[in-house]
Amino acid sequence: MASQDKMAVEILESIKETPYACSSLDRLSGGSANFTYRGTLLSALPSGEPTVVIKHTEPYVATMPSFALDAIRSVRI
């Protein structure tokens, strides 16, 4: 992992029992509202892809935690 940030550790823990379990996460630059990482998969996807992009939402802006932003914006409909 590029940096041992708490958010990345929590994400790794939350996906460890899924097909998207990762050995490491690297924070991607760009964007301001969400936390975005490239994850190196423990097992490649059926398509052969060895990595995934993970977009994680919190109820605040990633680059400015004091700015509240409803996480409902990222709910898949």
PDB file of N, CA and C in Angstrom:
ATOM      1  N   MET A   1       0.847  -1.170   0.000  1.00  0.00           N
ATOM      2  CA  MET A   1       0.000   0.000   0.000  1.00  0.00           C
ATOM      3  C   MET A   1       0.890   1.228   0.000  1.00  0.00           C
ATOM      4  N   ALA A   2       0.588   2.167  -0.828  1.00  0.00           N
ATOM      5  CA  ALA A   2       1.396   3.376  -0.925  1.00  0.00           C
ATOM      6  C   ALA A   2       1.492   4.078   0.413  1.00  0.00           C
ATOM      7  N   SER A   3       0.399   4.179   1.097  1.00  0.00           N
ATOM      8  CA  SER A   3       0.411   4.760   2.431  1.00  0.00           C
ATOM      9  C   SER A   3      -0.530   3.934   3.294  1.00  0.00           C
ATOM     10  N   GLN A   4      -0.163   3.759   4.518  1.00  0.00           N
ATOM     11  CA  GLN A   4      -0.970   2.952   5.430  1.00  0.00           C
ATOM     12  C   GLN A   4      -2.091   3.795   6.023  1.00  0.00           C
ATOM     13  N   ASP A   5      -2.911   4.431   5.180  1.00  0.00           N
ATOM     14  CA  ASP A   5      -3.969   5.263   5.733  1.00  0.00           C
ATOM     15  C   ASP A   5      -5.101   4.402   6.275  1.00  0.00           C
ATOM     16  N   LYS A   6      -5.736   4.923   7.302  1.00  0.00           N
ATOM     17  CA  LYS A   6      -6.790   4.199   8.003  1.00  0.00           C
ATOM     18  C   LYS A   6      -7.932   3.798   7.068  1.00  0.00           C
ATOM     19  N   MET A   7      -8.305   4.683   6.167  1.00  0.00           N
ATOM     20  CA  MET A   7      -9.403   4.408   5.236  1.00  0.00           C
ATOM     21  C   MET A   7      -9.083   3.178   4.380  1.00  0.00           C
ATOM     22  N   ALA A   8      -7.864   3.098   3.859  1.00  0.00           N
ATOM     23  CA  ALA A   8      -7.472   1.965   3.021  1.00  0.00           C
ATOM     24  C   ALA A   8      -7.513   0.659   3.812  1.00  0.00           C
ATOM     25  N   VAL A   9      -7.063   0.703   5.030  1.00  0.00           N
ATOM     26  CA  VAL A   9      -7.095  -0.495   5.877  1.00  0.00           C
ATOM     27  C   VAL A   9      -8.539  -0.942   6.090  1.00  0.00           C
ATOM     28  N   GLU A  10      -9.443   0.002   6.347  1.00  0.00           N
ATOM     29  CA  GLU A  10     -10.859  -0.332   6.535  1.00  0.00           C
ATOM     30  C   GLU A  10     -11.482  -0.898   5.257  1.00  0.00           C
ATOM     31  N   ILE A  11     -11.112  -0.353   4.124  1.00  0.00           N
ATOM     32  CA  ILE A  11     -11.638  -0.861   2.845  1.00  0.00           C
ATOM     33  C   ILE A  11     -11.150  -2.282   2.601  1.00  0.00           C
ATOM     34  N   LEU A  12      -9.858  -2.510   2.794  1.00  0.00           N
ATOM     35  CA  LEU A  12      -9.314  -3.863   2.620  1.00  0.00           C
ATOM     36  C   LEU A  12     -10.060  -4.864   3.495  1.00  0.00           C
ATOM     37  N   GLU A  13     -10.329  -4.479   4.718  1.00  0.00           N
ATOM     38  CA  GLU A  13     -11.052  -5.356   5.645  1.00  0.00           C
ATOM     39  C   GLU A  13     -12.475  -5.621   5.152  1.00  0.00           C
ATOM     40  N   SER A  14     -13.139  -4.591   4.641  1.00  0.00           N
ATOM     41  CA  SER A  14     -14.543  -4.739   4.231  1.00  0.00           C
ATOM     42  C   SER A  14     -14.719  -5.586   2.974  1.00  0.00           C
ATOM     43  N   ILE A  15     -13.685  -5.721   2.158  1.00  0.00           N
ATOM     44  CA  ILE A  15     -13.817  -6.496   0.907  1.00  0.00           C
ATOM     45  C   ILE A  15     -13.068  -7.830   0.937  1.00  0.00           C
ATOM     46  N   LYS A  16     -12.512  -8.173   2.086  1.00  0.00           N
ATOM     47  CA  LYS A  16     -11.650  -9.359   2.144  1.00  0.00           C
ATOM     48  C   LYS A  16     -12.356 -10.678   1.847  1.00  0.00           C
ATOM     49  N   GLU A  17     -13.660 -10.748   2.022  1.00  0.00           N
ATOM     50  CA  GLU A  17     -14.413 -11.981   1.757  1.00  0.00           C
ATOM     51  C   GLU A  17     -15.181 -11.922   0.440  1.00  0.00           C
ATOM     52  N   THR A  18     -14.789 -11.029  -0.446  1.00  0.00           N
ATOM     53  CA  THR A  18     -15.489 -10.871  -1.724  1.00  0.00           C
ATOM     54  C   THR A  18     -14.551 -11.234  -2.874  1.00  0.00           C
ATOM     55  N   PRO A  19     -15.073 -11.335  -4.103  1.00  0.00           N
ATOM     56  CA  PRO A  19     -14.206 -11.585  -5.261  1.00  0.00           C
ATOM     57  C   PRO A  19     -13.231 -10.423  -5.510  1.00  0.00           C
ATOM     58  N   TYR A  20     -13.455  -9.302  -4.822  1.00  0.00           N
ATOM     59  CA  TYR A  20     -12.614  -8.121  -5.013  1.00  0.00           C
ATOM     60  C   TYR A  20     -11.589  -7.943  -3.905  1.00  0.00           C
ATOM     61  N   ALA A  21     -11.332  -8.988  -3.146  1.00  0.00           N
ATOM     62  CA  ALA A  21     -10.325  -8.917  -2.084  1.00  0.00           C
ATOM     63  C   ALA A  21      -8.978  -8.522  -2.693  1.00  0.00           C
ATOM     64  N   CYS A  22      -8.322  -7.575  -2.039  1.00  0.00           N
ATOM     65  CA  CYS A  22      -7.069  -7.027  -2.559  1.00  0.00           C
ATOM     66  C   CYS A  22      -5.915  -7.237  -1.590  1.00  0.00           C
ATOM     67  N   SER A  23      -4.735  -7.339  -2.155  1.00  0.00           N
ATOM     68  CA  SER A  23      -3.527  -7.420  -1.331  1.00  0.00           C
ATOM     69  C   SER A  23      -3.033  -6.035  -0.959  1.00  0.00           C
ATOM     70  N   SER A  24      -3.377  -5.045  -1.786  1.00  0.00           N
ATOM     71  CA  SER A  24      -2.941  -3.678  -1.507  1.00  0.00           C
ATOM     72  C   SER A  24      -3.833  -2.680  -2.218  1.00  0.00           C
ATOM     73  N   LEU A  25      -3.818  -1.456  -1.713  1.00  0.00           N
ATOM     74  CA  LEU A  25      -4.546  -0.345  -2.323  1.00  0.00           C
ATOM     75  C   LEU A  25      -3.589   0.822  -2.486  1.00  0.00           C
ATOM     76  N   ASP A  26      -3.665   1.484  -3.621  1.00  0.00           N
ATOM     77  CA  ASP A  26      -2.889   2.699  -3.872  1.00  0.00           C
ATOM     78  C   ASP A  26      -3.869   3.827  -4.127  1.00  0.00           C
ATOM     79  N   ARG A  27      -3.759   4.897  -3.374  1.00  0.00           N
ATOM     80  CA  ARG A  27      -4.663   6.050  -3.528  1.00  0.00           C
ATOM     81  C   ARG A  27      -4.407   6.707  -4.874  1.00  0.00           C
ATOM     82  N   LEU A  28      -5.473   6.971  -5.605  1.00  0.00           N
ATOM     83  CA  LEU A  28      -5.389   7.637  -6.898  1.00  0.00           C
ATOM     84  C   LEU A  28      -5.612   9.131  -6.720  1.00  0.00           C
ATOM     85  N   SER A  29      -4.950   9.913  -7.538  1.00  0.00           N
ATOM     86  CA  SER A  29      -5.116  11.359  -7.470  1.00  0.00           C
ATOM     87  C   SER A  29      -6.314  11.775  -8.308  1.00  0.00           C
ATOM     88  N   GLY A  30      -6.739  13.002  -8.103  1.00  0.00           N
ATOM     89  CA  GLY A  30      -7.874  13.521  -8.850  1.00  0.00           C
ATOM     90  C   GLY A  30      -9.152  13.381  -8.060  1.00  0.00           C
ATOM     91  N   GLY A  31     -10.107  14.188  -8.397  1.00  0.00           N
ATOM     92  CA  GLY A  31     -11.370  14.168  -7.681  1.00  0.00           C
ATOM     93  C   GLY A  31     -11.217  14.776  -6.297  1.00  0.00           C
ATOM     94  N   SER A  32     -12.344  15.138  -5.709  1.00  0.00           N
ATOM     95  CA  SER A  32     -12.268  15.734  -4.385  1.00  0.00           C
ATOM     96  C   SER A  32     -13.319  15.190  -3.430  1.00  0.00           C
ATOM     97  N   ALA A  33     -14.416  14.665  -3.947  1.00  0.00           N
ATOM     98  CA  ALA A  33     -15.513  14.244  -3.081  1.00  0.00           C
ATOM     99  C   ALA A  33     -15.343  12.839  -2.514  1.00  0.00           C
ATOM    100  N   ASN A  34     -14.713  11.940  -3.250  1.00  0.00           N
ATOM    101  CA  ASN A  34     -14.608  10.546  -2.839  1.00  0.00           C
ATOM    102  C   ASN A  34     -13.164  10.116  -2.642  1.00  0.00           C
ATOM    103  N   PHE A  35     -13.011   8.957  -2.033  1.00  0.00           N
ATOM    104  CA  PHE A  35     -11.703   8.322  -1.885  1.00  0.00           C
ATOM    105  C   PHE A  35     -11.611   7.289  -3.001  1.00  0.00           C
ATOM    106  N   THR A  36     -10.583   7.361  -3.827  1.00  0.00           N
ATOM    107  CA  THR A  36     -10.454   6.451  -4.962  1.00  0.00           C
ATOM    108  C   THR A  36      -9.110   5.742  -4.889  1.00  0.00           C
ATOM    109  N   TYR A  37      -9.148   4.424  -5.057  1.00  0.00           N
ATOM    110  CA  TYR A  37      -7.959   3.589  -4.946  1.00  0.00           C
ATOM    111  C   TYR A  37      -7.877   2.624  -6.120  1.00  0.00           C
ATOM    112  N   ARG A  38      -6.660   2.205  -6.462  1.00  0.00           N
ATOM    113  CA  ARG A  38      -6.458   1.067  -7.351  1.00  0.00           C
ATOM    114  C   ARG A  38      -6.075  -0.093  -6.451  1.00  0.00           C
ATOM    115  N   GLY A  39      -6.852  -1.170  -6.553  1.00  0.00           N
ATOM    116  CA  GLY A  39      -6.605  -2.350  -5.738  1.00  0.00           C
ATOM    117  C   GLY A  39      -5.975  -3.455  -6.554  1.00  0.00           C
ATOM    118  N   THR A  40      -4.961  -4.089  -5.991  1.00  0.00           N
ATOM    119  CA  THR A  40      -4.347  -5.262  -6.610  1.00  0.00           C
ATOM    120  C   THR A  40      -5.054  -6.490  -6.056  1.00  0.00           C
ATOM    121  N   LEU A  41      -5.770  -7.187  -6.925  1.00  0.00           N
ATOM    122  CA  LEU A  41      -6.587  -8.322  -6.512  1.00  0.00           C
ATOM    123  C   LEU A  41      -5.753  -9.502  -6.041  1.00  0.00           C
ATOM    124  N   LEU A  42      -6.264 -10.218  -5.049  1.00  0.00           N
ATOM    125  CA  LEU A  42      -5.618 -11.459  -4.615  1.00  0.00           C
ATOM    126  C   LEU A  42      -5.743 -12.519  -5.697  1.00  0.00           C
ATOM    127  N   SER A  43      -6.879 -12.525  -6.392  1.00  0.00           N
ATOM    128  CA  SER A  43      -7.114 -13.436  -7.510  1.00  0.00           C
ATOM    129  C   SER A  43      -7.701 -12.622  -8.652  1.00  0.00           C
ATOM    130  N   ALA A  44      -7.153 -12.792  -9.839  1.00  0.00           N
ATOM    131  CA  ALA A  44      -7.646 -12.043 -11.001  1.00  0.00           C
ATOM    132  C   ALA A  44      -9.129 -12.330 -11.227  1.00  0.00           C
ATOM    133  N   LEU A  45      -9.822 -11.369 -11.782  1.00  0.00           N
ATOM    134  CA  LEU A  45     -11.227 -11.556 -12.140  1.00  0.00           C
ATOM    135  C   LEU A  45     -11.337 -12.567 -13.283  1.00  0.00           C
ATOM    136  N   PRO A  46     -12.525 -13.134 -13.524  1.00  0.00           N
ATOM    137  CA  PRO A  46     -12.693 -14.079 -14.626  1.00  0.00           C
ATOM    138  C   PRO A  46     -12.225 -13.514 -15.969  1.00  0.00           C
ATOM    139  N   SER A  47     -12.297 -12.202 -16.125  1.00  0.00           N
ATOM    140  CA  SER A  47     -11.852 -11.564 -17.368  1.00  0.00           C
ATOM    141  C   SER A  47     -10.330 -11.476 -17.458  1.00  0.00           C
ATOM    142  N   GLY A  48      -9.659 -11.810 -16.350  1.00  0.00           N
ATOM    143  CA  GLY A  48      -8.202 -11.747 -16.322  1.00  0.00           C
ATOM    144  C   GLY A  48      -7.648 -10.465 -15.718  1.00  0.00           C
ATOM    145  N   GLU A  49      -8.519  -9.519 -15.400  1.00  0.00           N
ATOM    146  CA  GLU A  49      -8.065  -8.245 -14.835  1.00  0.00           C
ATOM    147  C   GLU A  49      -7.405  -8.469 -13.480  1.00  0.00           C
ATOM    148  N   PRO A  50      -6.193  -7.952 -13.285  1.00  0.00           N
ATOM    149  CA  PRO A  50      -5.496  -8.136 -12.016  1.00  0.00           C
ATOM    150  C   PRO A  50      -5.743  -7.020 -11.002  1.00  0.00           C
ATOM    151  N   THR A  51      -6.402  -5.939 -11.441  1.00  0.00           N
ATOM    152  CA  THR A  51      -6.653  -4.813 -10.545  1.00  0.00           C
ATOM    153  C   THR A  51      -8.080  -4.297 -10.719  1.00  0.00           C
ATOM    154  N   VAL A  52      -8.532  -3.545  -9.720  1.00  0.00           N
ATOM    155  CA  VAL A  52      -9.833  -2.884  -9.769  1.00  0.00           C
ATOM    156  C   VAL A  52      -9.679  -1.459  -9.258  1.00  0.00           C
ATOM    157  N   VAL A  53     -10.611  -0.609  -9.627  1.00  0.00           N
ATOM    158  CA  VAL A  53     -10.666   0.737  -9.069  1.00  0.00           C
ATOM    159  C   VAL A  53     -11.793   0.737  -8.049  1.00  0.00           C
ATOM    160  N   ILE A  54     -11.489   1.229  -6.866  1.00  0.00           N
ATOM    161  CA  ILE A  54     -12.459   1.265  -5.775  1.00  0.00           C
ATOM    162  C   ILE A  54     -12.755   2.716  -5.440  1.00  0.00           C
ATOM    163  N   LYS A  55     -14.031   3.061  -5.505  1.00  0.00           N
ATOM    164  CA  LYS A  55     -14.487   4.408  -5.153  1.00  0.00           C
ATOM    165  C   LYS A  55     -15.246   4.283  -3.842  1.00  0.00           C
ATOM    166  N   HIS A  56     -14.749   4.968  -2.828  1.00  0.00           N
ATOM    167  CA  HIS A  56     -15.339   4.883  -1.493  1.00  0.00           C
ATOM    168  C   HIS A  56     -15.898   6.245  -1.096  1.00  0.00           C
ATOM    169  N   THR A  57     -17.097   6.233  -0.542  1.00  0.00           N
ATOM    170  CA  THR A  57     -17.775   7.463  -0.161  1.00  0.00           C
ATOM    171  C   THR A  57     -17.907   7.561   1.350  1.00  0.00           C
ATOM    172  N   GLU A  58     -17.681   8.735   1.866  1.00  0.00           N
ATOM    173  CA  GLU A  58     -17.940   9.070   3.271  1.00  0.00           C
ATOM    174  C   GLU A  58     -18.919  10.243   3.273  1.00  0.00           C
ATOM    175  N   PRO A  59     -19.525  10.565   4.417  1.00  0.00           N
ATOM    176  CA  PRO A  59     -20.493  11.672   4.452  1.00  0.00           C
ATOM    177  C   PRO A  59     -19.824  13.050   4.525  1.00  0.00           C
ATOM    178  N   TYR A  60     -18.693  13.175   3.875  1.00  0.00           N
ATOM    179  CA  TYR A  60     -17.957  14.435   3.801  1.00  0.00           C
ATOM    180  C   TYR A  60     -17.071  14.412   2.566  1.00  0.00           C
ATOM    181  N   VAL A  61     -16.590  15.570   2.177  1.00  0.00           N
ATOM    182  CA  VAL A  61     -15.711  15.687   1.017  1.00  0.00           C
ATOM    183  C   VAL A  61     -14.328  15.160   1.395  1.00  0.00           C
ATOM    184  N   ALA A  62     -13.779  14.276   0.584  1.00  0.00           N
ATOM    185  CA  ALA A  62     -12.492  13.637   0.895  1.00  0.00           C
ATOM    186  C   ALA A  62     -11.369  14.648   1.097  1.00  0.00           C
ATOM    187  N   THR A  63     -11.372  15.708   0.306  1.00  0.00           N
ATOM    188  CA  THR A  63     -10.295  16.689   0.407  1.00  0.00           C
ATOM    189  C   THR A  63     -10.559  17.762   1.453  1.00  0.00           C
ATOM    190  N   MET A  64     -11.777  17.772   2.026  1.00  0.00           N
ATOM    191  CA  MET A  64     -12.097  18.754   3.055  1.00  0.00           C
ATOM    192  C   MET A  64     -13.124  18.134   4.021  1.00  0.00           C
ATOM    193  N   PRO A  65     -12.655  17.329   4.983  1.00  0.00           N
ATOM    194  CA  PRO A  65     -13.565  16.616   5.888  1.00  0.00           C
ATOM    195  C   PRO A  65     -14.558  17.496   6.639  1.00  0.00           C
ATOM    196  N   SER A  66     -14.288  18.771   6.796  1.00  0.00           N
ATOM    197  CA  SER A  66     -15.225  19.644   7.499  1.00  0.00           C
ATOM    198  C   SER A  66     -16.447  19.995   6.638  1.00  0.00           C
ATOM    199  N   PHE A  67     -16.414  19.656   5.343  1.00  0.00           N
ATOM    200  CA  PHE A  67     -17.518  19.945   4.424  1.00  0.00           C
ATOM    201  C   PHE A  67     -18.385  18.696   4.295  1.00  0.00           C
ATOM    202  N   ALA A  68     -19.560  18.727   4.936  1.00  0.00           N
ATOM    203  CA  ALA A  68     -20.469  17.580   4.893  1.00  0.00           C
ATOM    204  C   ALA A  68     -21.060  17.416   3.497  1.00  0.00           C
ATOM    205  N   LEU A  69     -21.204  16.169   3.089  1.00  0.00           N
ATOM    206  CA  LEU A  69     -21.782  15.849   1.790  1.00  0.00           C
ATOM    207  C   LEU A  69     -22.487  14.507   1.935  1.00  0.00           C
ATOM    208  N   ASP A  70     -23.776  14.475   1.698  1.00  0.00           N
ATOM    209  CA  ASP A  70     -24.567  13.280   1.921  1.00  0.00           C
ATOM    210  C   ASP A  70     -24.057  12.107   1.067  1.00  0.00           C
ATOM    211  N   ALA A  71     -23.817  10.987   1.713  1.00  0.00           N
ATOM    212  CA  ALA A  71     -23.308   9.799   1.018  1.00  0.00           C
ATOM    213  C   ALA A  71     -24.353   9.181   0.078  1.00  0.00           C
ATOM    214  N   ILE A  72     -25.609   9.573   0.183  1.00  0.00           N
ATOM    215  CA  ILE A  72     -26.662   9.035  -0.693  1.00  0.00           C
ATOM    216  C   ILE A  72     -26.346   9.292  -2.162  1.00  0.00           C
ATOM    217  N   ARG A  73     -25.481  10.272  -2.419  1.00  0.00           N
ATOM    218  CA  ARG A  73     -25.115  10.603  -3.809  1.00  0.00           C
ATOM    219  C   ARG A  73     -24.467   9.428  -4.522  1.00  0.00           C
ATOM    220  N   SER A  74     -23.943   8.475  -3.766  1.00  0.00           N
ATOM    221  CA  SER A  74     -23.244   7.343  -4.375  1.00  0.00           C
ATOM    222  C   SER A  74     -24.032   6.042  -4.328  1.00  0.00           C
ATOM    223  N   VAL A  75     -25.274   6.104  -3.882  1.00  0.00           N
ATOM    224  CA  VAL A  75     -26.093   4.899  -3.829  1.00  0.00           C
ATOM    225  C   VAL A  75     -26.487   4.512  -5.239  1.00  0.00           C
ATOM    226  N   ARG A  76     -26.292   3.248  -5.546  1.00  0.00           N
ATOM    227  CA  ARG A  76     -26.634   2.729  -6.854  1.00  0.00           C
ATOM    228  C   ARG A  76     -28.118   2.444  -6.912  1.00  0.00           C
ATOM    229  N   ILE A  77     -28.778   2.933  -7.926  1.00  0.00           N
ATOM    230  CA  ILE A  77     -30.230   2.718  -8.065  1.00  0.00           C
ATOM    231  C   ILE A  77     -30.501   1.669  -9.121  1.00  0.00           C
TER     232      ILE A  77
END
